[in-house]
């Protein structure tokens, strides 16, 4: 497990803007998601504030939010460190997503079938699908993660039930981190966007049963793939440590 402190290569400075706590939080989530801040990396208010060029107060608040979300854990008496990846936890989260995403797809397709959806909402789903599918093979991991999120958020919005998006939003930081572990595989990305296209097609044709089934299967497969990938990563780390 890495215990190095973050460096200027891991985090780029932020400029003073409104909602600074949210900006600090989002920057740290991205750095953790793509591995610039790996599991075990120590996070101190002073060092993070220095790297982001902000005061310690927004950093303190952001770190507490990350602790609540399970992305950082206590390290010693006063310090914090990036939490290890937990394949079982991610799998459990995807089991919840399976139900919620299936419901979102069913509700969205039903709204389409009943002509209860405006063109703006339909365009948002199609735009999210097109944007993600068009990303080049050498796209940055964080751009791939954002595109994946955007598709599912558009689907949640299209459901017409804001509580679905609200419920999932609390765990997006964990999902961002888990997605980043599998999106570096080009073959896997191709499968993901084919499944997204199939989900969107069933939603846009108003087939509620098929939309729900495809969406649930997508979440089920994603959760299992991610858990297996994390377990393999941990096994490789254990072997590496044993040979040192």
C-alpha atoms as a PDB file:
ATOM      1  CA  UNK A   1       0.000   0.000   0.000  1.00  0.00           C
ATOM      2  CA  UNK A   2       1.391   3.395  -0.988  1.00  0.00           C
ATOM      3  CA  UNK A   3       2.014   5.951   1.759  1.00  0.00           C
ATOM      4  CA  UNK A   4       3.541   8.757  -0.257  1.00  0.00           C
ATOM      5  CA  UNK A   5       2.271  12.302   0.178  1.00  0.00           C
ATOM      6  CA  UNK A   6       0.622  13.944  -2.861  1.00  0.00           C
ATOM      7  CA  UNK A   7       2.906  15.862  -5.208  1.00  0.00           C
ATOM      8  CA  UNK A   8       2.377  18.678  -7.703  1.00  0.00           C
ATOM      9  CA  UNK A   9       2.000  16.031 -10.431  1.00  0.00           C
ATOM     10  CA  UNK A  10      -0.958  14.508  -8.608  1.00  0.00           C
ATOM     11  CA  UNK A  11      -2.931  17.711  -7.997  1.00  0.00           C
ATOM     12  CA  UNK A  12      -3.017  20.931  -9.979  1.00  0.00           C
ATOM     13  CA  UNK A  13      -3.667  24.303  -8.247  1.00  0.00           C
ATOM     14  CA  UNK A  14      -7.205  25.699  -8.084  1.00  0.00           C
ATOM     15  CA  UNK A  15      -8.047  29.357  -8.360  1.00  0.00           C
ATOM     16  CA  UNK A  16     -10.432  31.054  -5.938  1.00  0.00           C
ATOM     17  CA  UNK A  17     -14.005  30.579  -7.144  1.00  0.00           C
ATOM     18  CA  UNK A  18     -17.487  30.209  -5.601  1.00  0.00           C
ATOM     19  CA  UNK A  19     -18.346  26.904  -3.948  1.00  0.00           C
ATOM     20  CA  UNK A  20     -14.683  26.250  -3.237  1.00  0.00           C
ATOM     21  CA  UNK A  21     -15.438  23.300  -0.974  1.00  0.00           C
ATOM     22  CA  UNK A  22     -17.200  21.547  -3.855  1.00  0.00           C
ATOM     23  CA  UNK A  23     -14.324  22.335  -6.210  1.00  0.00           C
ATOM     24  CA  UNK A  24     -11.756  20.943  -3.781  1.00  0.00           C
ATOM     25  CA  UNK A  25     -13.914  17.872  -3.222  1.00  0.00           C
ATOM     26  CA  UNK A  26     -14.366  17.268  -6.952  1.00  0.00           C
ATOM     27  CA  UNK A  27     -10.661  17.691  -7.678  1.00  0.00           C
ATOM     28  CA  UNK A  28      -9.762  15.189  -4.968  1.00  0.00           C
ATOM     29  CA  UNK A  29     -12.408  12.719  -6.168  1.00  0.00           C
ATOM     30  CA  UNK A  30     -10.990  12.883  -9.691  1.00  0.00           C
ATOM     31  CA  UNK A  31      -7.427  12.410  -8.466  1.00  0.00           C
ATOM     32  CA  UNK A  32      -8.464   9.412  -6.356  1.00  0.00           C
ATOM     33  CA  UNK A  33     -10.590   7.955  -9.172  1.00  0.00           C
ATOM     34  CA  UNK A  34      -7.819   7.887 -11.773  1.00  0.00           C
ATOM     35  CA  UNK A  35      -5.103   6.830  -9.343  1.00  0.00           C
ATOM     36  CA  UNK A  36      -3.126  10.043  -9.099  1.00  0.00           C
ATOM     37  CA  UNK A  37      -3.868   9.691  -5.402  1.00  0.00           C
ATOM     38  CA  UNK A  38      -3.533   5.905  -4.958  1.00  0.00           C
ATOM     39  CA  UNK A  39      -4.796   3.833  -2.041  1.00  0.00           C
ATOM     40  CA  UNK A  40      -2.747   4.610   1.028  1.00  0.00           C
ATOM     41  CA  UNK A  41      -1.645   8.080  -0.107  1.00  0.00           C
ATOM     42  CA  UNK A  42      -1.613  10.401   2.909  1.00  0.00           C
ATOM     43  CA  UNK A  43      -3.708  13.563   2.771  1.00  0.00           C
ATOM     44  CA  UNK A  44      -2.963  16.454   5.071  1.00  0.00           C
ATOM     45  CA  UNK A  45      -4.865  19.736   5.048  1.00  0.00           C
ATOM     46  CA  UNK A  46      -1.688  21.723   4.663  1.00  0.00           C
ATOM     47  CA  UNK A  47      -0.256  19.811   1.725  1.00  0.00           C
ATOM     48  CA  UNK A  48      -3.539  19.621  -0.184  1.00  0.00           C
ATOM     49  CA  UNK A  49      -4.219  23.326   0.436  1.00  0.00           C
ATOM     50  CA  UNK A  50      -0.739  24.149  -0.831  1.00  0.00           C
ATOM     51  CA  UNK A  51      -1.102  22.095  -4.010  1.00  0.00           C
ATOM     52  CA  UNK A  52      -4.552  23.474  -4.817  1.00  0.00           C
ATOM     53  CA  UNK A  53      -3.544  27.015  -3.824  1.00  0.00           C
ATOM     54  CA  UNK A  54      -6.460  27.466  -1.426  1.00  0.00           C
ATOM     55  CA  UNK A  55      -6.861  27.980   2.312  1.00  0.00           C
ATOM     56  CA  UNK A  56      -7.089  25.067   4.709  1.00  0.00           C
ATOM     57  CA  UNK A  57     -10.759  25.619   5.553  1.00  0.00           C
ATOM     58  CA  UNK A  58     -12.326  24.349   2.286  1.00  0.00           C
ATOM     59  CA  UNK A  59      -9.832  21.476   2.270  1.00  0.00           C
ATOM     60  CA  UNK A  60     -10.851  20.497   5.805  1.00  0.00           C
ATOM     61  CA  UNK A  61     -14.537  20.447   4.848  1.00  0.00           C
ATOM     62  CA  UNK A  62     -13.884  18.549   1.607  1.00  0.00           C
ATOM     63  CA  UNK A  63     -11.816  15.898   3.382  1.00  0.00           C
ATOM     64  CA  UNK A  64     -14.611  15.323   5.890  1.00  0.00           C
ATOM     65  CA  UNK A  65     -17.072  14.813   3.028  1.00  0.00           C
ATOM     66  CA  UNK A  66     -14.674  12.330   1.421  1.00  0.00           C
ATOM     67  CA  UNK A  67     -14.373  10.513   4.747  1.00  0.00           C
ATOM     68  CA  UNK A  68     -18.166  10.280   4.966  1.00  0.00           C
ATOM     69  CA  UNK A  69     -18.242   8.917   1.405  1.00  0.00           C
ATOM     70  CA  UNK A  70     -15.646   6.296   2.253  1.00  0.00           C
ATOM     71  CA  UNK A  71     -12.956   7.557  -0.123  1.00  0.00           C
ATOM     72  CA  UNK A  72     -10.552   8.456   2.681  1.00  0.00           C
ATOM     73  CA  UNK A  73      -9.958   6.810   6.044  1.00  0.00           C
ATOM     74  CA  UNK A  74      -8.273   7.747   9.280  1.00  0.00           C
ATOM     75  CA  UNK A  75      -4.504   7.350   9.145  1.00  0.00           C
ATOM     76  CA  UNK A  76      -2.939   7.612  12.583  1.00  0.00           C
ATOM     77  CA  UNK A  77      -4.315   9.969  15.196  1.00  0.00           C
ATOM     78  CA  UNK A  78      -4.716  13.096  13.064  1.00  0.00           C
ATOM     79  CA  UNK A  79      -4.069  12.152   9.458  1.00  0.00           C
ATOM     80  CA  UNK A  80      -6.156  10.800   6.611  1.00  0.00           C
ATOM     81  CA  UNK A  81      -5.252   8.508   3.731  1.00  0.00           C
ATOM     82  CA  UNK A  82      -6.933   7.349   0.526  1.00  0.00           C
ATOM     83  CA  UNK A  83      -9.064   4.302   1.309  1.00  0.00           C
ATOM     84  CA  UNK A  84      -8.221   0.942  -0.264  1.00  0.00           C
ATOM     85  CA  UNK A  85     -10.459  -0.327  -3.050  1.00  0.00           C
ATOM     86  CA  UNK A  86     -13.034  -2.777  -1.718  1.00  0.00           C
ATOM     87  CA  UNK A  87     -14.388  -5.116  -4.371  1.00  0.00           C
ATOM     88  CA  UNK A  88     -17.183  -6.423  -2.148  1.00  0.00           C
ATOM     89  CA  UNK A  89     -18.361  -2.901  -1.311  1.00  0.00           C
ATOM     90  CA  UNK A  90     -18.418  -1.908  -4.984  1.00  0.00           C
ATOM     91  CA  UNK A  91     -20.310  -5.073  -5.876  1.00  0.00           C
ATOM     92  CA  UNK A  92     -22.891  -4.291  -3.187  1.00  0.00           C
ATOM     93  CA  UNK A  93     -23.278  -0.744  -4.500  1.00  0.00           C
ATOM     94  CA  UNK A  94     -23.849  -2.062  -8.006  1.00  0.00           C
ATOM     95  CA  UNK A  95     -26.555  -4.382  -6.680  1.00  0.00           C
ATOM     96  CA  UNK A  96     -28.389  -1.262  -5.522  1.00  0.00           C
ATOM     97  CA  UNK A  97     -27.668   0.448  -8.849  1.00  0.00           C
ATOM     98  CA  UNK A  98     -29.096  -2.572 -10.656  1.00  0.00           C
ATOM     99  CA  UNK A  99     -32.505  -1.955  -9.099  1.00  0.00           C
ATOM    100  CA  UNK A 100     -32.428   1.826  -9.452  1.00  0.00           C
ATOM    101  CA  UNK A 101     -31.117   1.851 -13.020  1.00  0.00           C
ATOM    102  CA  UNK A 102     -33.668  -0.750 -14.026  1.00  0.00           C
ATOM    103  CA  UNK A 103     -36.437   1.368 -12.527  1.00  0.00           C
ATOM    104  CA  UNK A 104     -35.099   4.502 -14.211  1.00  0.00           C
ATOM    105  CA  UNK A 105     -35.029   2.796 -17.609  1.00  0.00           C
ATOM    106  CA  UNK A 106     -38.561   1.423 -17.158  1.00  0.00           C
ATOM    107  CA  UNK A 107     -39.965   4.793 -16.115  1.00  0.00           C
ATOM    108  CA  UNK A 108     -38.147   6.585 -18.936  1.00  0.00           C
ATOM    109  CA  UNK A 109     -39.415   4.152 -21.563  1.00  0.00           C
ATOM    110  CA  UNK A 110     -42.936   4.403 -20.159  1.00  0.00           C
ATOM    111  CA  UNK A 111     -42.831   8.189 -20.393  1.00  0.00           C
ATOM    112  CA  UNK A 112     -41.664   7.923 -24.005  1.00  0.00           C
ATOM    113  CA  UNK A 113     -44.449   5.455 -24.835  1.00  0.00           C
ATOM    114  CA  UNK A 114     -47.005   7.819 -23.310  1.00  0.00           C
ATOM    115  CA  UNK A 115     -45.555  10.836 -25.137  1.00  0.00           C
ATOM    116  CA  UNK A 116     -44.751  12.419 -21.803  1.00  0.00           C
ATOM    117  CA  UNK A 117     -41.183  13.426 -22.599  1.00  0.00           C
ATOM    118  CA  UNK A 118     -40.007  16.687 -24.117  1.00  0.00           C
ATOM    119  CA  UNK A 119     -37.456  16.861 -26.921  1.00  0.00           C
ATOM    120  CA  UNK A 120     -34.875  18.459 -24.605  1.00  0.00           C
ATOM    121  CA  UNK A 121     -34.792  15.398 -22.329  1.00  0.00           C
ATOM    122  CA  UNK A 122     -34.621  13.017 -25.288  1.00  0.00           C
ATOM    123  CA  UNK A 123     -31.839  15.059 -26.867  1.00  0.00           C
ATOM    124  CA  UNK A 124     -29.871  14.971 -23.592  1.00  0.00           C
ATOM    125  CA  UNK A 125     -29.858  11.177 -23.546  1.00  0.00           C
ATOM    126  CA  UNK A 126     -28.873  10.946 -27.212  1.00  0.00           C
ATOM    127  CA  UNK A 127     -26.165  13.577 -26.779  1.00  0.00           C
ATOM    128  CA  UNK A 128     -24.692  11.724 -23.798  1.00  0.00           C
ATOM    129  CA  UNK A 129     -24.685   8.503 -25.805  1.00  0.00           C
ATOM    130  CA  UNK A 130     -23.082  10.118 -28.858  1.00  0.00           C
ATOM    131  CA  UNK A 131     -20.438  11.925 -26.806  1.00  0.00           C
ATOM    132  CA  UNK A 132     -19.323   8.789 -25.006  1.00  0.00           C
ATOM    133  CA  UNK A 133     -19.296   6.635 -28.129  1.00  0.00           C
ATOM    134  CA  UNK A 134     -17.202   9.226 -29.960  1.00  0.00           C
ATOM    135  CA  UNK A 135     -14.384   9.395 -27.398  1.00  0.00           C
ATOM    136  CA  UNK A 136     -11.061   8.342 -28.938  1.00  0.00           C
ATOM    137  CA  UNK A 137      -9.178   5.267 -27.775  1.00  0.00           C
ATOM    138  CA  UNK A 138      -6.534   7.482 -26.157  1.00  0.00           C
ATOM    139  CA  UNK A 139      -9.034   9.582 -24.191  1.00  0.00           C
ATOM    140  CA  UNK A 140      -8.120  10.454 -20.612  1.00  0.00           C
ATOM    141  CA  UNK A 141      -9.599   8.094 -18.045  1.00  0.00           C
ATOM    142  CA  UNK A 142     -11.430  10.908 -16.274  1.00  0.00           C
ATOM    143  CA  UNK A 143     -13.120  11.891 -19.557  1.00  0.00           C
ATOM    144  CA  UNK A 144     -14.288   8.299 -20.006  1.00  0.00           C
ATOM    145  CA  UNK A 145     -15.647   8.271 -16.460  1.00  0.00           C
ATOM    146  CA  UNK A 146     -17.452  11.579 -16.936  1.00  0.00           C
ATOM    147  CA  UNK A 147     -19.023  10.360 -20.167  1.00  0.00           C
ATOM    148  CA  UNK A 148     -20.252   7.187 -18.480  1.00  0.00           C
ATOM    149  CA  UNK A 149     -21.723   9.214 -15.630  1.00  0.00           C
ATOM    150  CA  UNK A 150     -23.382  11.639 -18.037  1.00  0.00           C
ATOM    151  CA  UNK A 151     -25.206   8.823 -19.830  1.00  0.00           C
ATOM    152  CA  UNK A 152     -26.606   7.344 -16.625  1.00  0.00           C
ATOM    153  CA  UNK A 153     -27.481  10.746 -15.204  1.00  0.00           C
ATOM    154  CA  UNK A 154     -29.399  11.570 -18.401  1.00  0.00           C
ATOM    155  CA  UNK A 155     -31.268   8.279 -18.066  1.00  0.00           C
ATOM    156  CA  UNK A 156     -32.072   9.006 -14.419  1.00  0.00           C
ATOM    157  CA  UNK A 157     -33.362  12.452 -15.380  1.00  0.00           C
ATOM    158  CA  UNK A 158     -35.447  10.983 -18.186  1.00  0.00           C
ATOM    159  CA  UNK A 159     -37.182   8.708 -15.678  1.00  0.00           C
ATOM    160  CA  UNK A 160     -39.059  11.705 -14.312  1.00  0.00           C
ATOM    161  CA  UNK A 161     -38.316  10.566 -10.747  1.00  0.00           C
ATOM    162  CA  UNK A 162     -35.762  12.934  -9.190  1.00  0.00           C
ATOM    163  CA  UNK A 163     -35.283  10.669  -6.168  1.00  0.00           C
ATOM    164  CA  UNK A 164     -33.445   8.123  -8.307  1.00  0.00           C
ATOM    165  CA  UNK A 165     -30.761  10.646  -9.231  1.00  0.00           C
ATOM    166  CA  UNK A 166     -30.671  11.964  -5.671  1.00  0.00           C
ATOM    167  CA  UNK A 167     -30.171   8.478  -4.223  1.00  0.00           C
ATOM    168  CA  UNK A 168     -27.411   7.520  -6.667  1.00  0.00           C
ATOM    169  CA  UNK A 169     -25.609  10.877  -6.457  1.00  0.00           C
ATOM    170  CA  UNK A 170     -24.334  10.165  -2.936  1.00  0.00           C
ATOM    171  CA  UNK A 171     -22.367   7.206  -4.250  1.00  0.00           C
ATOM    172  CA  UNK A 172     -21.117   8.688  -7.539  1.00  0.00           C
ATOM    173  CA  UNK A 173     -17.618   9.277  -6.091  1.00  0.00           C
ATOM    174  CA  UNK A 174     -17.341   5.549  -5.309  1.00  0.00           C
ATOM    175  CA  UNK A 175     -18.690   4.644  -8.747  1.00  0.00           C
ATOM    176  CA  UNK A 176     -16.250   7.057 -10.420  1.00  0.00           C
ATOM    177  CA  UNK A 177     -13.401   5.290  -8.705  1.00  0.00           C
ATOM    178  CA  UNK A 178     -14.664   1.836  -9.612  1.00  0.00           C
ATOM    179  CA  UNK A 179     -15.349   2.784 -13.233  1.00  0.00           C
ATOM    180  CA  UNK A 180     -11.818   4.059 -13.629  1.00  0.00           C
ATOM    181  CA  UNK A 181     -10.467   0.596 -12.784  1.00  0.00           C
ATOM    182  CA  UNK A 182     -12.136  -0.972 -15.843  1.00  0.00           C
ATOM    183  CA  UNK A 183     -12.382   1.879 -18.356  1.00  0.00           C
ATOM    184  CA  UNK A 184      -8.668   1.729 -19.148  1.00  0.00           C
ATOM    185  CA  UNK A 185      -9.457  -1.460 -21.092  1.00  0.00           C
ATOM    186  CA  UNK A 186     -10.428  -0.455 -24.649  1.00  0.00           C
ATOM    187  CA  UNK A 187     -12.291  -3.711 -25.272  1.00  0.00           C
ATOM    188  CA  UNK A 188     -14.287  -3.242 -22.100  1.00  0.00           C
ATOM    189  CA  UNK A 189     -15.156   0.337 -23.067  1.00  0.00           C
ATOM    190  CA  UNK A 190     -16.517  -0.896 -26.381  1.00  0.00           C
ATOM    191  CA  UNK A 191     -18.827  -3.347 -24.626  1.00  0.00           C
ATOM    192  CA  UNK A 192     -20.030  -0.655 -22.219  1.00  0.00           C
ATOM    193  CA  UNK A 193     -21.062   1.733 -24.982  1.00  0.00           C
ATOM    194  CA  UNK A 194     -22.737  -1.010 -26.996  1.00  0.00           C
ATOM    195  CA  UNK A 195     -24.807  -1.785 -23.919  1.00  0.00           C
ATOM    196  CA  UNK A 196     -25.548   1.906 -23.412  1.00  0.00           C
ATOM    197  CA  UNK A 197     -26.741   2.131 -27.023  1.00  0.00           C
ATOM    198  CA  UNK A 198     -29.006  -0.902 -26.532  1.00  0.00           C
ATOM    199  CA  UNK A 199     -30.498   0.588 -23.357  1.00  0.00           C
ATOM    200  CA  UNK A 200     -31.099   3.931 -25.064  1.00  0.00           C
ATOM    201  CA  UNK A 201     -32.689   2.257 -28.080  1.00  0.00           C
ATOM    202  CA  UNK A 202     -35.216   0.389 -25.946  1.00  0.00           C
ATOM    203  CA  UNK A 203     -35.980   3.534 -23.953  1.00  0.00           C
ATOM    204  CA  UNK A 204     -36.448   5.695 -27.046  1.00  0.00           C
ATOM    205  CA  UNK A 205     -38.792   3.136 -28.609  1.00  0.00           C
ATOM    206  CA  UNK A 206     -40.841   2.988 -25.408  1.00  0.00           C
ATOM    207  CA  UNK A 207     -40.186  -0.687 -24.641  1.00  0.00           C
ATOM    208  CA  UNK A 208     -40.290  -0.586 -20.845  1.00  0.00           C
ATOM    209  CA  UNK A 209     -39.729  -4.308 -20.240  1.00  0.00           C
ATOM    210  CA  UNK A 210     -36.681  -4.484 -22.491  1.00  0.00           C
ATOM    211  CA  UNK A 211     -35.272  -1.188 -21.222  1.00  0.00           C
ATOM    212  CA  UNK A 212     -35.456  -2.396 -17.624  1.00  0.00           C
ATOM    213  CA  UNK A 213     -33.960  -5.799 -18.444  1.00  0.00           C
ATOM    214  CA  UNK A 214     -31.064  -4.326 -20.411  1.00  0.00           C
ATOM    215  CA  UNK A 215     -30.323  -1.704 -17.794  1.00  0.00           C
ATOM    216  CA  UNK A 216     -30.337  -4.210 -14.938  1.00  0.00           C
ATOM    217  CA  UNK A 217     -28.110  -6.615 -16.851  1.00  0.00           C
ATOM    218  CA  UNK A 218     -25.704  -3.773 -17.634  1.00  0.00           C
ATOM    219  CA  UNK A 219     -25.383  -2.861 -13.949  1.00  0.00           C
ATOM    220  CA  UNK A 220     -25.121  -6.517 -12.923  1.00  0.00           C
ATOM    221  CA  UNK A 221     -22.303  -7.200 -15.373  1.00  0.00           C
ATOM    222  CA  UNK A 222     -20.517  -3.949 -14.505  1.00  0.00           C
ATOM    223  CA  UNK A 223     -20.568  -4.777 -10.811  1.00  0.00           C
ATOM    224  CA  UNK A 224     -19.197  -8.272 -11.329  1.00  0.00           C
ATOM    225  CA  UNK A 225     -16.526  -7.132 -13.799  1.00  0.00           C
ATOM    226  CA  UNK A 226     -15.407  -4.385 -11.443  1.00  0.00           C
ATOM    227  CA  UNK A 227     -15.248  -6.668  -8.421  1.00  0.00           C
ATOM    228  CA  UNK A 228     -13.177  -9.208 -10.352  1.00  0.00           C
ATOM    229  CA  UNK A 229     -10.835  -6.489 -11.596  1.00  0.00           C
ATOM    230  CA  UNK A 230     -10.313  -5.077  -8.108  1.00  0.00           C
ATOM    231  CA  UNK A 231      -9.722  -8.557  -6.674  1.00  0.00           C
ATOM    232  CA  UNK A 232      -7.113  -9.254  -9.381  1.00  0.00           C
ATOM    233  CA  UNK A 233      -5.402  -5.937  -8.664  1.00  0.00           C
ATOM    234  CA  UNK A 234      -5.183  -6.754  -4.964  1.00  0.00           C
ATOM    235  CA  UNK A 235      -3.845 -10.237  -5.691  1.00  0.00           C
ATOM    236  CA  UNK A 236      -1.143  -8.763  -7.926  1.00  0.00           C
ATOM    237  CA  UNK A 237      -0.226  -6.226  -5.237  1.00  0.00           C
ATOM    238  CA  UNK A 238       0.065  -9.016  -2.665  1.00  0.00           C
ATOM    239  CA  UNK A 239       2.328 -11.023  -4.992  1.00  0.00           C
ATOM    240  CA  UNK A 240       4.486  -7.968  -5.699  1.00  0.00           C
ATOM    241  CA  UNK A 241       4.897  -7.288  -1.992  1.00  0.00           C
ATOM    242  CA  UNK A 242       5.818 -10.920  -1.375  1.00  0.00           C
ATOM    243  CA  UNK A 243       8.628 -10.723  -3.943  1.00  0.00           C
ATOM    244  CA  UNK A 244      10.168  -7.543  -2.543  1.00  0.00           C
END
